[in-house]
All heavy atoms as atom14 arrays in JSON, in Angstrom:
{
  "sequence": "RDDSRMTLYLQMSNLKPEDTAVYYCNADSAALQAVCEMEWGQG",
  "atom14_mask": [
    [1, 1, 1, 1, 1, 1, 1, 1, 1, 1, 1, 0, 0, 0],
    [1, 1, 1, 1, 1, 1, 1, 1, 0, 0, 0, 0, 0, 0],
    [1, 1, 1, 1, 1, 1, 1, 1, 0, 0, 0, 0, 0, 0],
    [1, 1, 1, 1, 1, 1, 0, 0, 0, 0, 0, 0, 0, 0],
    [1, 1, 1, 1, 1, 1, 1, 1, 1, 1, 1, 0, 0, 0],
    [1, 1, 1, 1, 1, 1, 1, 1, 0, 0, 0, 0, 0, 0],
    [1, 1, 1, 1, 1, 1, 1, 0, 0, 0, 0, 0, 0, 0],
    [1, 1, 1, 1, 1, 1, 1, 1, 0, 0, 0, 0, 0, 0],
    [1, 1, 1, 1, 1, 1, 1, 1, 1, 1, 1, 1, 0, 0],
    [1, 1, 1, 1, 1, 1, 1, 1, 0, 0, 0, 0, 0, 0],
    [1, 1, 1, 1, 1, 1, 1, 1, 1, 0, 0, 0, 0, 0],
    [1, 1, 1, 1, 1, 1, 1, 1, 0, 0, 0, 0, 0, 0],
    [1, 1, 1, 1, 1, 1, 0, 0, 0, 0, 0, 0, 0, 0],
    [1, 1, 1, 1, 1, 1, 1, 1, 0, 0, 0, 0, 0, 0],
    [1, 1, 1, 1, 1, 1, 1, 1, 0, 0, 0, 0, 0, 0],
    [1, 1, 1, 1, 1, 1, 1, 1, 1, 0, 0, 0, 0, 0],
    [1, 1, 1, 1, 1, 1, 1, 0, 0, 0, 0, 0, 0, 0],
    [1, 1, 1, 1, 1, 1, 1, 1, 1, 0, 0, 0, 0, 0],
    [1, 1, 1, 1, 1, 1, 1, 1, 0, 0, 0, 0, 0, 0],
    [1, 1, 1, 1, 1, 1, 1, 0, 0, 0, 0, 0, 0, 0],
    [1, 1, 1, 1, 1, 0, 0, 0, 0, 0, 0, 0, 0, 0],
    [1, 1, 1, 1, 1, 1, 1, 0, 0, 0, 0, 0, 0, 0],
    [1, 1, 1, 1, 1, 1, 1, 1, 1, 1, 1, 1, 0, 0],
    [1, 1, 1, 1, 1, 1, 1, 1, 1, 1, 1, 1, 0, 0],
    [1, 1, 1, 1, 1, 1, 0, 0, 0, 0, 0, 0, 0, 0],
    [1, 1, 1, 1, 1, 1, 1, 1, 0, 0, 0, 0, 0, 0],
    [1, 1, 1, 1, 1, 0, 0, 0, 0, 0, 0, 0, 0, 0],
    [1, 1, 1, 1, 1, 1, 1, 1, 0, 0, 0, 0, 0, 0],
    [1, 1, 1, 1, 1, 1, 0, 0, 0, 0, 0, 0, 0, 0],
    [1, 1, 1, 1, 1, 0, 0, 0, 0, 0, 0, 0, 0, 0],
    [1, 1, 1, 1, 1, 0, 0, 0, 0, 0, 0, 0, 0, 0],
    [1, 1, 1, 1, 1, 1, 1, 1, 0, 0, 0, 0, 0, 0],
    [1, 1, 1, 1, 1, 1, 1, 1, 1, 0, 0, 0, 0, 0],
    [1, 1, 1, 1, 1, 0, 0, 0, 0, 0, 0, 0, 0, 0],
    [1, 1, 1, 1, 1, 1, 1, 0, 0, 0, 0, 0, 0, 0],
    [1, 1, 1, 1, 1, 1, 0, 0, 0, 0, 0, 0, 0, 0],
    [1, 1, 1, 1, 1, 1, 1, 1, 1, 0, 0, 0, 0, 0],
    [1, 1, 1, 1, 1, 1, 1, 1, 0, 0, 0, 0, 0, 0],
    [1, 1, 1, 1, 1, 1, 1, 1, 1, 0, 0, 0, 0, 0],
    [1, 1, 1, 1, 1, 1, 1, 1, 1, 1, 1, 1, 1, 1],
    [1, 1, 1, 1, 0, 0, 0, 0, 0, 0, 0, 0, 0, 0],
    [1, 1, 1, 1, 1, 1, 1, 1, 1, 0, 0, 0, 0, 0],
    [1, 1, 1, 1, 0, 0, 0, 0, 0, 0, 0, 0, 0, 0]
  ],
  "atom14_positions": [
    [[-4.79, 1.19, -2.53], [-3.51, 1.89, -2.51], [-2.78, 1.73, -3.82], [-2.93, 0.72, -4.52], [-2.64, 1.36, -1.36], [-2.3, -0.13, -1.45], [-1.72, -0.64, -0.14], [-0.42, -0.05, 0.15], [0.18, -0.09, 1.33], [-0.44, -0.68, 2.36], [1.37, 0.47, 1.5], [0.0, 0.0, 0.0], [0.0, 0.0, 0.0], [0.0, 0.0, 0.0]],
    [[-2.0, 2.73, -4.16], [-1.17, 2.7, -5.35], [0.22, 3.07, -4.87], [0.55, 4.25, -4.75], [-1.67, 3.69, -6.4], [-0.87, 3.61, -7.69], [0.24, 3.06, -7.69], [-1.38, 4.1, -8.72], [0.0, 0.0, 0.0], [0.0, 0.0, 0.0], [0.0, 0.0, 0.0], [0.0, 0.0, 0.0], [0.0, 0.0, 0.0], [0.0, 0.0, 0.0]],
    [[1.02, 2.05, -4.57], [2.34, 2.29, -4.02], [3.29, 2.98, -5.0], [4.23, 3.65, -4.59], [2.96, 0.98, -3.54], [2.29, 0.44, -2.29], [1.54, 1.21, -1.64], [2.51, -0.73, -1.94], [0.0, 0.0, 0.0], [0.0, 0.0, 0.0], [0.0, 0.0, 0.0], [0.0, 0.0, 0.0], [0.0, 0.0, 0.0], [0.0, 0.0, 0.0]],
    [[3.05, 2.81, -6.3], [3.89, 3.47, -7.28], [3.72, 4.98, -7.2], [4.62, 5.73, -7.58], [3.58, 2.97, -8.69], [2.3, 3.38, -9.12], [0.0, 0.0, 0.0], [0.0, 0.0, 0.0], [0.0, 0.0, 0.0], [0.0, 0.0, 0.0], [0.0, 0.0, 0.0], [0.0, 0.0, 0.0], [0.0, 0.0, 0.0], [0.0, 0.0, 0.0]],
    [[2.57, 5.4, -6.72], [2.29, 6.82, -6.58], [2.28, 7.25, -5.11], [2.03, 8.41, -4.81], [0.95, 7.16, -7.23], [0.96, 7.01, -8.74], [-0.41, 7.33, -9.34], [-0.35, 7.43, -10.79], [-0.3, 6.39, -11.61], [-0.29, 5.16, -11.13], [-0.25, 6.58, -12.93], [0.0, 0.0, 0.0], [0.0, 0.0, 0.0], [0.0, 0.0, 0.0]],
    [[2.55, 6.31, -4.21], [2.55, 6.57, -2.78], [1.24, 7.25, -2.36], [1.23, 8.25, -1.64], [3.74, 7.44, -2.39], [5.08, 6.71, -2.47], [5.18, 5.4, -1.21], [5.37, 6.38, 0.28], [0.0, 0.0, 0.0], [0.0, 0.0, 0.0], [0.0, 0.0, 0.0], [0.0, 0.0, 0.0], [0.0, 0.0, 0.0], [0.0, 0.0, 0.0]],
    [[0.15, 6.68, -2.84], [-1.16, 7.26, -2.57], [-2.15, 6.22, -2.06], [-2.2, 5.1, -2.56], [-1.73, 7.93, -3.83], [-0.8, 8.92, -4.3], [-3.05, 8.61, -3.53], [0.0, 0.0, 0.0], [0.0, 0.0, 0.0], [0.0, 0.0, 0.0], [0.0, 0.0, 0.0], [0.0, 0.0, 0.0], [0.0, 0.0, 0.0], [0.0, 0.0, 0.0]],
    [[-2.91, 6.62, -1.07], [-3.96, 5.79, -0.49], [-5.29, 6.41, -0.89], [-5.42, 7.64, -0.93], [-3.82, 5.78, 1.03], [-4.78, 4.91, 1.84], [-4.43, 3.44, 1.66], [-4.7, 5.3, 3.32], [0.0, 0.0, 0.0], [0.0, 0.0, 0.0], [0.0, 0.0, 0.0], [0.0, 0.0, 0.0], [0.0, 0.0, 0.0], [0.0, 0.0, 0.0]],
    [[-6.27, 5.57, -1.17], [-7.57, 6.07, -1.59], [-8.7, 5.52, -0.72], [-8.58, 4.45, -0.13], [-7.87, 5.67, -3.04], [-6.86, 6.15, -4.04], [-5.85, 5.3, -4.49], [-6.91, 7.44, -4.55], [-4.92, 5.73, -5.42], [-5.98, 7.88, -5.48], [-4.99, 7.02, -5.91], [-4.06, 7.45, -6.83], [0.0, 0.0, 0.0], [0.0, 0.0, 0.0]],
    [[-9.79, 6.25, -0.69], [-10.99, 5.77, -0.04], [-12.15, 6.17, -0.93], [-12.49, 7.35, -1.04], [-11.18, 6.39, 1.35], [-12.39, 5.85, 2.12], [-12.18, 4.37, 2.47], [-12.63, 6.65, 3.4], [0.0, 0.0, 0.0], [0.0, 0.0, 0.0], [0.0, 0.0, 0.0], [0.0, 0.0, 0.0], [0.0, 0.0, 0.0], [0.0, 0.0, 0.0]],
    [[-12.73, 5.18, -1.59], [-13.89, 5.4, -2.44], [-15.12, 5.21, -1.58], [-15.34, 4.14, -1.02], [-13.91, 4.42, -3.61], [-15.11, 4.57, -4.53], [-15.12, 5.89, -5.26], [-14.13, 6.29, -5.87], [-16.24, 6.61, -5.18], [0.0, 0.0, 0.0], [0.0, 0.0, 0.0], [0.0, 0.0, 0.0], [0.0, 0.0, 0.0], [0.0, 0.0, 0.0]],
    [[-15.92, 6.25, -1.46], [-17.11, 6.22, -0.62], [-18.35, 6.33, -1.49], [-18.44, 7.19, -2.35], [-17.08, 7.36, 0.39], [-15.82, 7.41, 1.25], [-15.85, 8.78, 2.44], [-15.67, 10.17, 1.31], [0.0, 0.0, 0.0], [0.0, 0.0, 0.0], [0.0, 0.0, 0.0], [0.0, 0.0, 0.0], [0.0, 0.0, 0.0], [0.0, 0.0, 0.0]],
    [[-19.31, 5.45, -1.24], [-20.56, 5.48, -1.98], [-21.72, 5.45, -0.99], [-21.55, 5.08, 0.17], [-20.64, 4.3, -2.95], [-20.66, 3.07, -2.25], [0.0, 0.0, 0.0], [0.0, 0.0, 0.0], [0.0, 0.0, 0.0], [0.0, 0.0, 0.0], [0.0, 0.0, 0.0], [0.0, 0.0, 0.0], [0.0, 0.0, 0.0], [0.0, 0.0, 0.0]],
    [[-22.89, 5.85, -1.49], [-24.09, 5.89, -0.65], [-23.81, 6.56, 0.69], [-24.11, 6.02, 1.75], [-24.63, 4.48, -0.43], [-26.02, 4.47, 0.2], [-26.77, 5.43, 0.05], [-26.34, 3.39, 0.9], [0.0, 0.0, 0.0], [0.0, 0.0, 0.0], [0.0, 0.0, 0.0], [0.0, 0.0, 0.0], [0.0, 0.0, 0.0], [0.0, 0.0, 0.0]],
    [[-23.26, 7.74, 0.61], [-22.91, 8.48, 1.82], [-24.14, 8.82, 2.65], [-25.21, 9.1, 2.12], [-22.14, 9.74, 1.46], [-20.69, 9.48, 1.06], [-20.11, 10.67, 0.31], [-19.85, 9.18, 2.31], [0.0, 0.0, 0.0], [0.0, 0.0, 0.0], [0.0, 0.0, 0.0], [0.0, 0.0, 0.0], [0.0, 0.0, 0.0], [0.0, 0.0, 0.0]],
    [[-23.95, 8.77, 3.96], [-25.02, 9.04, 4.9], [-24.63, 10.2, 5.82], [-23.44, 10.48, 5.99], [-25.29, 7.79, 5.75], [-25.64, 6.56, 4.94], [-25.8, 5.34, 5.83], [-26.17, 4.12, 5.01], [-26.35, 2.92, 5.87], [0.0, 0.0, 0.0], [0.0, 0.0, 0.0], [0.0, 0.0, 0.0], [0.0, 0.0, 0.0], [0.0, 0.0, 0.0]],
    [[-25.61, 10.86, 6.42], [-25.29, 11.97, 7.33], [-24.3, 11.58, 8.43], [-23.45, 12.39, 8.82], [-26.65, 12.34, 7.91], [-27.59, 12.04, 6.79], [-27.06, 10.74, 6.21], [0.0, 0.0, 0.0], [0.0, 0.0, 0.0], [0.0, 0.0, 0.0], [0.0, 0.0, 0.0], [0.0, 0.0, 0.0], [0.0, 0.0, 0.0], [0.0, 0.0, 0.0]],
    [[-24.39, 10.36, 8.92], [-23.49, 9.92, 9.97], [-22.04, 9.74, 9.5], [-21.15, 9.5, 10.32], [-23.99, 8.61, 10.61], [-24.29, 7.51, 9.61], [-25.76, 7.42, 9.27], [-26.39, 8.49, 9.05], [-26.3, 6.3, 9.23], [0.0, 0.0, 0.0], [0.0, 0.0, 0.0], [0.0, 0.0, 0.0], [0.0, 0.0, 0.0], [0.0, 0.0, 0.0]],
    [[-21.81, 9.87, 8.2], [-20.45, 9.81, 7.67], [-19.76, 11.16, 7.8], [-18.56, 11.27, 7.52], [-20.45, 9.37, 6.21], [-20.92, 7.94, 6.01], [-20.55, 7.07, 6.83], [-21.66, 7.69, 5.04], [0.0, 0.0, 0.0], [0.0, 0.0, 0.0], [0.0, 0.0, 0.0], [0.0, 0.0, 0.0], [0.0, 0.0, 0.0], [0.0, 0.0, 0.0]],
    [[-20.5, 12.17, 8.18], [-19.92, 13.5, 8.33], [-18.81, 13.47, 9.38], [-19.03, 13.09, 10.53], [-21.0, 14.51, 8.75], [-21.96, 14.64, 7.7], [-20.38, 15.88, 9.02], [0.0, 0.0, 0.0], [0.0, 0.0, 0.0], [0.0, 0.0, 0.0], [0.0, 0.0, 0.0], [0.0, 0.0, 0.0], [0.0, 0.0, 0.0], [0.0, 0.0, 0.0]],
    [[-17.62, 13.88, 8.97], [-16.46, 13.84, 9.85], [-15.25, 14.38, 9.12], [-15.29, 14.62, 7.92], [-16.18, 12.39, 10.3], [0.0, 0.0, 0.0], [0.0, 0.0, 0.0], [0.0, 0.0, 0.0], [0.0, 0.0, 0.0], [0.0, 0.0, 0.0], [0.0, 0.0, 0.0], [0.0, 0.0, 0.0], [0.0, 0.0, 0.0], [0.0, 0.0, 0.0]],
    [[-14.17, 14.54, 9.87], [-12.89, 14.87, 9.26], [-12.19, 13.54, 9.05], [-12.07, 12.74, 9.98], [-12.03, 15.78, 10.15], [-10.66, 16.02, 9.5], [-12.74, 17.11, 10.39], [0.0, 0.0, 0.0], [0.0, 0.0, 0.0], [0.0, 0.0, 0.0], [0.0, 0.0, 0.0], [0.0, 0.0, 0.0], [0.0, 0.0, 0.0], [0.0, 0.0, 0.0]],
    [[-11.74, 13.29, 7.84], [-11.1, 12.03, 7.5], [-9.59, 12.17, 7.44], [-9.07, 13.11, 6.84], [-11.64, 11.51, 6.16], [-13.04, 10.96, 6.27], [-14.12, 11.8, 6.49], [-13.28, 9.58, 6.16], [-15.41, 11.3, 6.62], [-14.56, 9.07, 6.29], [-15.62, 9.94, 6.51], [-16.9, 9.43, 6.63], [0.0, 0.0, 0.0], [0.0, 0.0, 0.0]],
    [[-8.9, 11.22, 8.06], [-7.45, 11.22, 8.11], [-6.89, 9.89, 7.62], [-7.57, 8.86, 7.69], [-6.94, 11.4, 9.54], [-7.43, 12.63, 10.26], [-8.62, 12.6, 10.99], [-6.68, 13.79, 10.25], [-9.06, 13.72, 11.68], [-7.11, 14.92, 10.95], [-8.3, 14.87, 11.66], [-8.72, 15.98, 12.35], [0.0, 0.0, 0.0], [0.0, 0.0, 0.0]],
    [[-5.66, 9.9, 7.17], [-4.98, 8.66, 6.86], [-3.75, 8.57, 7.75], [-3.21, 9.58, 8.19], [-4.57, 8.6, 5.37], [-3.44, 9.91, 4.84], [0.0, 0.0, 0.0], [0.0, 0.0, 0.0], [0.0, 0.0, 0.0], [0.0, 0.0, 0.0], [0.0, 0.0, 0.0], [0.0, 0.0, 0.0], [0.0, 0.0, 0.0], [0.0, 0.0, 0.0]],
    [[-3.33, 7.36, 8.05], [-2.15, 7.14, 8.88], [-1.84, 5.66, 8.87], [-2.57, 4.86, 8.28], [-2.37, 7.63, 10.31], [-1.09, 8.15, 10.95], [0.0, 7.61, 10.72], [-1.21, 9.21, 11.74], [0.0, 0.0, 0.0], [0.0, 0.0, 0.0], [0.0, 0.0, 0.0], [0.0, 0.0, 0.0], [0.0, 0.0, 0.0], [0.0, 0.0, 0.0]],
    [[-0.76, 5.29, 9.53], [-0.42, 3.88, 9.65], [-1.53, 3.19, 10.43], [-2.21, 3.82, 11.24], [0.92, 3.7, 10.35], [0.0, 0.0, 0.0], [0.0, 0.0, 0.0], [0.0, 0.0, 0.0], [0.0, 0.0, 0.0], [0.0, 0.0, 0.0], [0.0, 0.0, 0.0], [0.0, 0.0, 0.0], [0.0, 0.0, 0.0], [0.0, 0.0, 0.0]],
    [[-1.7, 1.91, 10.2], [-2.77, 1.15, 10.82], [-2.56, 0.93, 12.31], [-3.54, 0.7, 13.04], [-2.91, -0.21, 10.11], [-4.12, -0.98, 10.57], [-5.19, -0.36, 10.74], [-4.01, -2.21, 10.75], [0.0, 0.0, 0.0], [0.0, 0.0, 0.0], [0.0, 0.0, 0.0], [0.0, 0.0, 0.0], [0.0, 0.0, 0.0], [0.0, 0.0, 0.0]],
    [[-1.33, 1.01, 12.78], [-1.07, 0.77, 14.19], [-0.4, 1.96, 14.86], [0.39, 2.68, 14.25], [-0.19, -0.47, 14.38], [1.14, -0.22, 13.95], [0.0, 0.0, 0.0], [0.0, 0.0, 0.0], [0.0, 0.0, 0.0], [0.0, 0.0, 0.0], [0.0, 0.0, 0.0], [0.0, 0.0, 0.0], [0.0, 0.0, 0.0], [0.0, 0.0, 0.0]],
    [[-0.7, 2.14, 16.14], [-0.1, 3.22, 16.91], [1.41, 3.0, 17.05], [2.18, 3.96, 17.09], [-0.75, 3.3, 18.29], [0.0, 0.0, 0.0], [0.0, 0.0, 0.0], [0.0, 0.0, 0.0], [0.0, 0.0, 0.0], [0.0, 0.0, 0.0], [0.0, 0.0, 0.0], [0.0, 0.0, 0.0], [0.0, 0.0, 0.0], [0.0, 0.0, 0.0]],
    [[1.82, 1.74, 17.11], [3.24, 1.42, 17.24], [4.02, 1.92, 16.04], [5.08, 2.53, 16.18], [3.43, -0.08, 17.42], [0.0, 0.0, 0.0], [0.0, 0.0, 0.0], [0.0, 0.0, 0.0], [0.0, 0.0, 0.0], [0.0, 0.0, 0.0], [0.0, 0.0, 0.0], [0.0, 0.0, 0.0], [0.0, 0.0, 0.0], [0.0, 0.0, 0.0]],
    [[3.51, 1.65, 14.86], [4.19, 2.09, 13.65], [4.15, 3.62, 13.54], [5.12, 4.23, 13.1], [3.56, 1.46, 12.41], [4.34, 1.63, 11.11], [5.76, 1.12, 11.27], [3.64, 0.87, 9.98], [0.0, 0.0, 0.0], [0.0, 0.0, 0.0], [0.0, 0.0, 0.0], [0.0, 0.0, 0.0], [0.0, 0.0, 0.0], [0.0, 0.0, 0.0]],
    [[3.05, 4.2, 13.95], [2.94, 5.66, 13.94], [4.04, 6.25, 14.81], [4.66, 7.25, 14.44], [1.57, 6.1, 14.45], [0.42, 5.77, 13.53], [-0.92, 6.03, 14.17], [-1.03, 6.79, 15.13], [-1.96, 5.4, 13.65], [0.0, 0.0, 0.0], [0.0, 0.0, 0.0], [0.0, 0.0, 0.0], [0.0, 0.0, 0.0], [0.0, 0.0, 0.0]],
    [[4.29, 5.64, 15.96], [5.31, 6.13, 16.88], [6.71, 5.94, 16.33], [7.54, 6.85, 16.37], [5.17, 5.44, 18.23], [0.0, 0.0, 0.0], [0.0, 0.0, 0.0], [0.0, 0.0, 0.0], [0.0, 0.0, 0.0], [0.0, 0.0, 0.0], [0.0, 0.0, 0.0], [0.0, 0.0, 0.0], [0.0, 0.0, 0.0], [0.0, 0.0, 0.0]],
    [[7.0, 4.75, 15.83], [8.32, 4.45, 15.29], [8.67, 5.38, 14.14], [9.8, 5.86, 14.03], [8.41, 2.99, 14.82], [9.67, 2.76, 14.0], [8.38, 2.05, 16.02], [0.0, 0.0, 0.0], [0.0, 0.0, 0.0], [0.0, 0.0, 0.0], [0.0, 0.0, 0.0], [0.0, 0.0, 0.0], [0.0, 0.0, 0.0], [0.0, 0.0, 0.0]],
    [[7.71, 5.63, 13.3], [7.92, 6.48, 12.14], [7.66, 7.97, 12.41], [7.82, 8.79, 11.52], [7.03, 6.02, 10.99], [7.49, 4.42, 10.31], [0.0, 0.0, 0.0], [0.0, 0.0, 0.0], [0.0, 0.0, 0.0], [0.0, 0.0, 0.0], [0.0, 0.0, 0.0], [0.0, 0.0, 0.0], [0.0, 0.0, 0.0], [0.0, 0.0, 0.0]],
    [[7.24, 8.26, 13.63], [6.92, 9.63, 14.01], [5.96, 10.25, 13.0], [6.18, 11.35, 12.48], [8.2, 10.46, 14.13], [9.14, 9.96, 15.19], [10.37, 10.83, 15.38], [10.86, 11.39, 14.37], [10.84, 10.95, 16.52], [0.0, 0.0, 0.0], [0.0, 0.0, 0.0], [0.0, 0.0, 0.0], [0.0, 0.0, 0.0], [0.0, 0.0, 0.0]],
    [[4.9, 9.5, 12.75], [3.91, 9.94, 11.78], [2.88, 10.85, 12.45], [2.08, 10.39, 13.26], [3.24, 8.74, 11.14], [4.22, 7.86, 10.37], [3.5, 6.31, 9.78], [2.5, 6.9, 8.41], [0.0, 0.0, 0.0], [0.0, 0.0, 0.0], [0.0, 0.0, 0.0], [0.0, 0.0, 0.0], [0.0, 0.0, 0.0], [0.0, 0.0, 0.0]],
    [[2.93, 12.09, 12.1], [2.0, 13.07, 12.64], [0.68, 13.01, 11.89], [0.64, 12.62, 10.72], [2.58, 14.47, 12.54], [3.89, 14.67, 13.29], [3.71, 14.65, 14.79], [2.62, 15.0, 15.26], [4.67, 14.29, 15.49], [0.0, 0.0, 0.0], [0.0, 0.0, 0.0], [0.0, 0.0, 0.0], [0.0, 0.0, 0.0], [0.0, 0.0, 0.0]],
    [[-0.38, 13.39, 12.57], [-1.67, 13.47, 11.92], [-1.68, 14.69, 11.02], [-1.21, 15.77, 11.41], [-2.8, 13.58, 12.94], [-2.94, 12.34, 13.76], [-2.42, 12.1, 14.99], [-3.63, 11.14, 13.38], [-2.74, 10.83, 15.41], [-3.49, 10.23, 14.45], [-4.36, 10.77, 12.25], [-4.06, 8.94, 14.41], [-4.92, 9.49, 12.21], [-4.76, 8.6, 13.28]],
    [[-2.21, 14.52, 9.82], [-2.28, 15.63, 8.89], [-3.46, 16.52, 9.21], [-4.09, 16.4, 10.27], [0.0, 0.0, 0.0], [0.0, 0.0, 0.0], [0.0, 0.0, 0.0], [0.0, 0.0, 0.0], [0.0, 0.0, 0.0], [0.0, 0.0, 0.0], [0.0, 0.0, 0.0], [0.0, 0.0, 0.0], [0.0, 0.0, 0.0], [0.0, 0.0, 0.0]],
    [[-3.77, 17.41, 8.29], [-4.9, 18.32, 8.49], [-6.23, 17.6, 8.33], [-7.25, 18.06, 8.85], [-4.82, 19.48, 7.49], [-3.63, 20.4, 7.71], [-3.72, 21.14, 9.02], [-4.76, 21.72, 9.34], [-2.64, 21.12, 9.79], [0.0, 0.0, 0.0], [0.0, 0.0, 0.0], [0.0, 0.0, 0.0], [0.0, 0.0, 0.0], [0.0, 0.0, 0.0]],
    [[-6.2, 16.48, 7.62], [-7.43, 15.76, 7.37], [-8.23, 16.47, 6.29], [-7.87, 17.56, 5.84], [0.0, 0.0, 0.0], [0.0, 0.0, 0.0], [0.0, 0.0, 0.0], [0.0, 0.0, 0.0], [0.0, 0.0, 0.0], [0.0, 0.0, 0.0], [0.0, 0.0, 0.0], [0.0, 0.0, 0.0], [0.0, 0.0, 0.0], [0.0, 0.0, 0.0]]
  ]
}
């Protein structure tokens, strides 16, 4: 994470077919998601 830029990153290497998916970012806990009313993005 780079808080100065308010950006989260995921560096992925040696990708495998089973990694195929829609990837989303959000708060780590459902409680915080609820308190902050954090909606899921488009992914």
